[in-house]
Protein backbone atom coordinates (compact mmCIF):
# COMPACT_ATOMS: atom_id res chain seq x y z
CA MET A 1 0.00 0.00 0.00
CA LYS A 2 1.43 3.37 -1.02
CA LYS A 3 2.39 5.61 1.89
CA VAL A 4 0.31 8.81 2.09
CA ARG A 5 2.64 11.78 2.46
CA VAL A 6 1.48 14.58 4.73
CA PHE A 7 2.93 17.97 5.62
CA ASP A 8 4.68 17.76 9.00
CA PHE A 9 3.52 20.74 11.09
CA ARG A 10 5.46 19.43 14.09
CA LYS A 11 8.72 20.47 12.44
CA CYS A 12 7.37 23.99 11.89
CA ALA A 13 6.12 24.73 15.40
CA SER A 14 8.33 25.97 18.22
CA THR A 15 9.65 23.55 20.85
CA ASP A 16 10.33 26.41 23.31
CA GLU A 17 7.84 25.95 26.14
CA THR A 18 8.36 29.60 27.19
CA LYS A 19 6.66 30.43 23.88
CA TYR A 20 3.90 27.91 24.42
CA TRP A 21 1.52 29.81 22.11
CA MET A 22 3.75 28.77 19.17
CA THR A 23 4.04 25.08 20.09
CA GLY A 24 0.84 24.13 18.29
CA VAL A 25 -1.08 24.84 15.09
CA TYR A 26 -3.29 27.90 14.64
CA HIS A 27 -6.50 27.53 12.61
CA ASP A 28 -7.42 30.60 10.61
CA LYS A 29 -10.08 30.88 7.87
CA GLY A 30 -9.36 27.50 6.29
CA TYR A 31 -5.61 27.53 6.85
CA LYS A 32 -3.40 25.79 9.38
CA VAL A 33 -0.50 27.98 10.49
CA ALA A 34 2.61 27.01 12.48
CA THR A 35 5.77 28.94 13.27
CA ASP A 36 8.89 28.75 15.41
CA GLY A 37 9.67 32.46 15.04
CA ARG A 38 12.04 32.06 12.09
CA MET A 39 9.96 29.87 9.80
CA LEU A 40 6.23 29.99 9.10
CA ALA A 41 3.99 27.52 7.28
CA LYS A 42 0.53 28.49 6.07
CA ILE A 43 -1.23 25.48 4.55
CA LYS A 44 -4.75 25.25 3.11
CA SER A 45 -6.45 22.53 5.18
CA ASP A 46 -9.72 21.03 6.28
CA TYR A 47 -10.33 20.90 10.03
CA PRO A 48 -13.25 20.68 12.49
CA GLU A 49 -15.29 23.88 12.68
CA MET A 50 -14.71 24.00 16.43
CA TYR A 51 -10.96 24.59 15.81
CA GLU A 52 -11.51 27.90 14.02
CA GLY A 53 -9.49 30.71 15.63
CA LYS A 54 -7.82 28.32 18.08
CA ILE A 55 -4.29 27.03 18.69
CA MET A 56 -4.37 23.26 18.97
CA ALA A 57 -1.55 21.20 20.48
CA PHE A 58 -0.42 18.03 18.74
CA ASP A 59 -2.07 15.94 21.45
CA GLY A 60 -5.46 17.49 20.58
CA ASP A 61 -5.67 19.91 23.52
CA GLU A 62 -6.33 23.60 23.02
CA ILE A 63 -3.49 26.00 23.83
CA LYS A 64 -4.74 29.18 25.46
CA GLY A 65 -2.88 32.25 24.21
CA ASP A 66 -2.57 34.75 21.40
CA PHE A 67 -0.98 33.44 18.22
CA PRO A 68 1.49 35.92 16.64
CA LYS A 69 0.20 38.35 14.00
CA TYR A 70 1.73 36.11 11.38
CA GLU A 71 0.41 38.00 8.34
CA ARG A 72 2.86 40.79 9.12
CA VAL A 73 5.88 38.64 8.26
CA ILE A 74 4.53 37.49 4.88
CA PRO A 75 5.95 39.80 2.17
CA HIS A 76 3.52 41.30 -0.34
CA ASP A 77 3.67 39.79 -3.82
CA LYS A 78 4.70 43.17 -5.25
CA ASP A 79 7.84 43.10 -3.09
CA LEU A 80 8.97 39.67 -4.33
CA VAL A 81 10.92 38.43 -7.32
CA LYS A 82 10.86 34.82 -8.50
CA VAL A 83 14.11 32.84 -8.54
CA ASP A 84 14.92 29.24 -9.44
CA CYS A 85 13.73 26.82 -6.79
CA PRO A 86 16.20 24.08 -5.80
CA SER A 87 15.54 20.67 -7.27
CA VAL A 88 14.15 17.92 -5.06
CA GLU A 89 17.55 16.20 -5.27
CA LEU A 90 19.36 19.31 -4.06
CA LEU A 91 16.86 19.86 -1.24
CA ASP A 92 17.40 16.25 -0.19
CA ALA A 93 21.18 16.75 -0.21
CA ALA A 94 20.93 20.06 1.68
CA ARG A 95 18.78 18.68 4.48
CA LYS A 96 21.33 15.89 5.08
CA MET A 97 24.18 18.32 5.84
CA PRO A 98 24.07 18.47 9.68
CA GLY A 99 25.91 21.35 11.32
CA HIS A 100 25.98 23.46 8.17
CA VAL A 101 24.02 26.31 6.66
CA VAL A 102 22.94 26.29 3.04
CA ASN A 103 23.37 29.45 0.98
CA LEU A 104 21.00 29.87 -1.94
CA ALA A 105 20.43 33.19 -3.70
CA GLY A 106 22.28 34.90 -0.85
CA ARG A 107 20.05 33.39 1.84
CA PHE A 108 21.63 31.33 4.63
CA ILE A 109 19.26 28.58 5.75
CA ILE A 110 19.84 25.74 8.22
CA PRO A 111 19.22 22.13 7.08
CA LYS A 112 16.15 21.78 9.34
CA TYR A 113 14.31 24.33 7.22
CA TRP A 114 15.51 22.82 3.94
CA GLY A 115 14.02 19.57 5.30
CA ILE A 116 10.69 21.34 5.71
CA VAL A 117 10.92 22.73 2.17
CA TYR A 118 11.72 19.20 0.98
CA ASN A 119 8.59 17.93 2.78
CA PHE A 120 6.57 20.80 1.27
CA VAL A 121 7.64 19.90 -2.30
CA GLU A 122 7.27 16.18 -1.58
CA VAL A 123 3.64 16.64 -0.49
CA PHE A 124 2.34 19.42 -2.74
CA GLY A 125 4.55 19.09 -5.81
CA GLU A 126 6.80 21.62 -7.51
CA ALA A 127 7.06 24.91 -5.63
CA GLU A 128 7.93 28.45 -6.68
CA MET A 129 10.66 30.31 -4.78
CA PHE A 130 10.69 34.07 -4.22
CA ILE A 131 13.04 36.55 -2.57
CA ALA A 132 12.63 40.26 -1.87
CA LYS A 133 13.28 42.69 -4.73
CA LYS A 134 15.06 44.98 -2.31
CA GLU A 135 17.60 43.76 0.23
CA PRO A 136 16.27 44.31 3.74
CA GLU A 137 18.43 43.39 6.72
CA ARG A 138 16.57 40.09 7.12
CA LYS A 139 15.95 38.51 3.74
CA ALA A 140 12.81 36.39 3.78
CA VAL A 141 12.58 33.45 1.40
CA VAL A 142 9.08 32.48 0.27
CA PHE A 143 8.03 29.14 -1.20
CA LYS A 144 4.57 28.86 -2.74
CA ASN A 145 2.41 26.15 -4.20
CA ASN A 146 -1.10 27.38 -5.00
CA ASP A 147 -2.64 28.27 -1.61
CA ASN A 148 0.22 26.81 0.43
CA MET A 149 3.18 28.84 1.63
CA LEU A 150 6.42 28.68 3.59
CA VAL A 151 8.21 31.83 4.77
CA ILE A 152 11.75 31.39 6.10
CA MET A 153 13.87 34.05 7.80
CA PRO A 154 17.54 33.29 7.02
CA CYS A 155 20.47 33.42 9.43
CA GLU A 156 22.48 36.64 9.33
CA GLU A 157 25.88 35.23 10.31
CA PRO A 158 26.23 31.51 9.61
CA THR A 159 29.15 29.57 11.04
CA TYR A 160 29.53 27.51 7.88
CA THR A 161 27.89 27.75 4.51
CA ILE A 162 27.24 25.29 1.74
CA PHE A 163 26.86 26.81 -1.69
CA GLU A 164 24.83 25.55 -4.60
CA GLY A 165 27.42 25.52 -7.34
CA LYS A 166 26.87 24.76 -11.00
CA ALA A 167 27.15 21.08 -10.19
CA GLY A 168 25.76 20.75 -6.69
CA LEU A 169 26.84 21.59 -3.17
CA LEU A 170 30.19 22.94 -2.07
CA ALA A 171 31.27 24.52 1.16
CA THR A 172 33.23 27.48 2.46
CA ALA A 173 33.84 29.48 5.61
CA PRO A 174 31.77 32.71 5.68
CA GLU A 175 34.46 35.24 4.88
CA SER A 176 33.73 38.42 2.93
CA LYS A 177 33.20 37.43 -0.71
CA PRO A 178 34.38 33.86 -0.04
CA GLU A 179 35.67 31.57 -2.73
CA PRO A 180 33.23 28.62 -2.81
CA VAL A 181 35.94 25.98 -2.80
CA LYS A 182 37.33 25.63 0.71
CA TYR A 183 35.73 24.14 3.77
CA ARG A 184 37.47 26.00 6.57
CA CYS A 185 40.93 26.86 7.89
CA ASP A 186 42.75 25.56 10.92
CA GLY A 187 44.89 27.68 13.25
CA ASP A 188 47.75 27.78 10.74
CA ASN A 189 45.43 28.99 7.97
CA GLN A 190 45.78 25.70 6.12
CA ALA A 191 42.82 24.80 3.92
CA LYS A 192 40.72 21.83 4.90
CA TYR A 193 38.33 20.56 2.29
CA LEU A 194 34.87 19.16 2.78
CA LYS A 195 35.00 15.36 2.98
CA VAL A 196 32.14 13.35 1.52
CA THR A 197 31.53 9.71 0.72
CA TYR A 198 31.21 8.61 -2.88
CA LYS A 199 27.52 7.86 -2.23
CA GLN A 200 26.96 11.42 -0.97
CA LEU A 201 28.72 12.69 -4.07
CA LYS A 202 26.40 10.71 -6.34
CA ASP A 203 23.37 11.87 -4.35
CA ILE A 204 24.01 15.43 -5.54
CA GLY A 205 22.43 14.25 -8.77
CA HIS A 206 25.06 15.12 -11.38
CA PRO A 207 27.18 12.70 -13.42
CA VAL A 208 30.43 11.70 -11.68
CA LEU A 209 33.33 11.12 -14.07
CA THR A 210 37.00 10.47 -13.36
CA VAL A 211 40.40 11.13 -14.93
CA GLY A 212 41.98 8.51 -12.66
CA LYS A 213 45.47 9.43 -11.51
CA GLY A 214 45.82 12.11 -14.19
CA PHE A 215 47.28 15.48 -13.12
CA LEU A 216 45.28 17.45 -15.71
CA LEU A 217 43.02 19.17 -13.14
CA SER A 218 45.66 19.70 -10.47
CA GLY A 219 45.81 23.43 -11.21
CA LEU A 220 42.22 23.87 -10.01
CA ASP A 221 40.82 24.02 -6.49
CA PRO A 222 38.71 20.94 -5.69
CA MET A 223 35.30 21.46 -4.15
CA CYS A 224 35.72 18.48 -1.81
CA LEU A 225 37.55 15.20 -1.17
CA THR A 226 36.41 11.60 -1.25
CA TRP A 227 38.10 8.46 0.07
CA GLY A 228 40.67 6.77 -2.14
CA LYS A 229 43.35 4.08 -1.69
CA ASN A 230 45.48 6.48 0.33
CA GLY A 231 42.72 8.01 2.50
CA TRP A 232 40.86 11.25 1.88
CA ASP A 233 42.97 12.08 -1.16
CA VAL A 234 40.62 11.87 -4.15
CA LYS A 235 39.87 15.41 -5.31
CA VAL A 236 36.46 16.32 -6.73
CA TYR A 237 36.10 19.18 -9.20
CA ASP A 238 32.88 21.04 -9.93
CA MET A 239 32.70 21.34 -13.73
CA ALA A 240 29.40 22.93 -14.75
CA ASN A 241 27.06 19.95 -15.23
CA LEU A 242 29.66 17.34 -14.27
CA LEU A 243 31.64 16.28 -11.23
CA ILE A 244 35.12 14.98 -12.07
CA THR A 245 37.29 13.04 -9.61
CA ALA A 246 41.06 12.66 -9.75
CA GLY A 247 43.50 10.61 -7.69
CA ASP A 248 44.55 7.11 -6.82
CA GLY A 249 41.41 5.03 -6.43
CA ALA A 250 39.12 7.74 -7.83
CA ASN A 251 35.56 6.60 -8.54
CA GLY A 252 33.27 7.54 -11.41
CA ILE A 253 32.80 6.87 -15.10
CA HIS A 254 36.27 6.80 -16.65
CA ILE A 255 36.89 9.48 -19.25
CA PRO A 256 38.70 7.77 -22.17
CA ALA A 257 42.45 7.70 -21.58
CA GLU A 258 43.12 9.11 -25.04
CA ILE A 259 41.10 12.24 -24.24
CA VAL A 260 42.90 12.77 -20.92
CA LYS A 261 46.32 12.15 -22.49
CA LYS A 262 45.67 14.57 -25.36
CA TYR A 263 45.06 17.48 -23.03
CA GLN A 264 47.75 16.54 -20.54
CA ASP A 265 50.15 16.58 -23.48
CA GLY A 266 48.77 20.00 -24.36
CA LEU A 267 49.82 21.26 -20.94
CA GLN A 268 53.32 19.87 -21.43
CA ASP A 269 53.54 21.66 -24.77
CA GLY A 270 53.01 24.94 -22.95
CA ASP A 271 49.40 25.75 -23.91
CA ASP A 272 47.46 28.18 -21.76
CA TYR A 273 46.09 26.14 -18.84
CA ARG A 274 42.59 27.62 -18.81
CA ALA A 275 42.26 27.22 -22.57
CA VAL A 276 43.33 23.58 -22.34
CA ILE A 277 40.80 22.89 -19.59
CA ASP A 278 38.02 24.59 -21.52
CA ARG A 279 38.73 22.49 -24.61
CA PHE A 280 38.98 19.37 -22.44
CA LEU A 281 35.57 20.03 -20.87
CA ASP A 282 33.98 20.68 -24.25
CA GLU A 283 35.26 17.35 -25.57
CA VAL A 284 34.28 15.47 -22.42
CA ASP A 285 30.77 16.96 -22.57
CA THR A 286 30.43 15.90 -26.21
CA TRP A 287 31.77 12.41 -25.44
CA TYR A 288 29.49 11.95 -22.42
CA LYS A 289 26.35 13.01 -24.31
CA ALA A 290 27.21 10.72 -27.23
CA ARG A 291 27.90 7.86 -24.79
CA ASN A 292 24.45 8.25 -23.21
CA VAL A 293 22.71 8.38 -26.58
CA ALA A 294 24.49 5.22 -27.62
């Protein structure tokens, strides 16, 4: 029997008993509303007439108190601009990054809330994502699907961030205008890269290819490391719509050795590095598409 998916209001309500009036679900004119103070869900729902205007706890008891004036935190449509909503695969990857903050369209959001967005899309289908046209101090993110809505207030100063790059998720410390390639620095300012399993890498949802032990990509900064024969030494490079691994024991679909050798030889002949890489990626993209068609 197919499991019926429902929207989980429990994850939206506050768990702070000092704010007991936000620990349940408010029923307002055909909508259920829940908030923890930073995230708000307003979902079109059926409920018993007796619940109208009341806050109901998850055990069925009524919570006496005044629910926040939640409409005040919902931006007007005229103040919003539509942006690309993350794919279901990316939402799934983001919510599985404990201890990190995801940065999308300049908004820093903790995995708990991406999990709620994932649940929202899972239950109601594809959502639209909006951000404010102007940049207020606190930048609300709004997700909509017909009459259903999530409003999330981002973090202002995240400890860590995970960026959505052209080919998935990569991480960096929140410096001013950070380069989205390094995980963090230790006391000696030595870069430490994000470490992921090969399964996590595949879960990002983009093709994973490999150049094996080839040094062709060694002039680029990897976005993360995976485990190889010698430990966490397999470098992963974010290449537009592809992820390419390099190192001893690197996993992925092997790019033909003749393609790798041709461009490595180009480097040895003194060609401009960036130009060589660009030509390499063009040929790899053509080869990969032809391989899939075949």
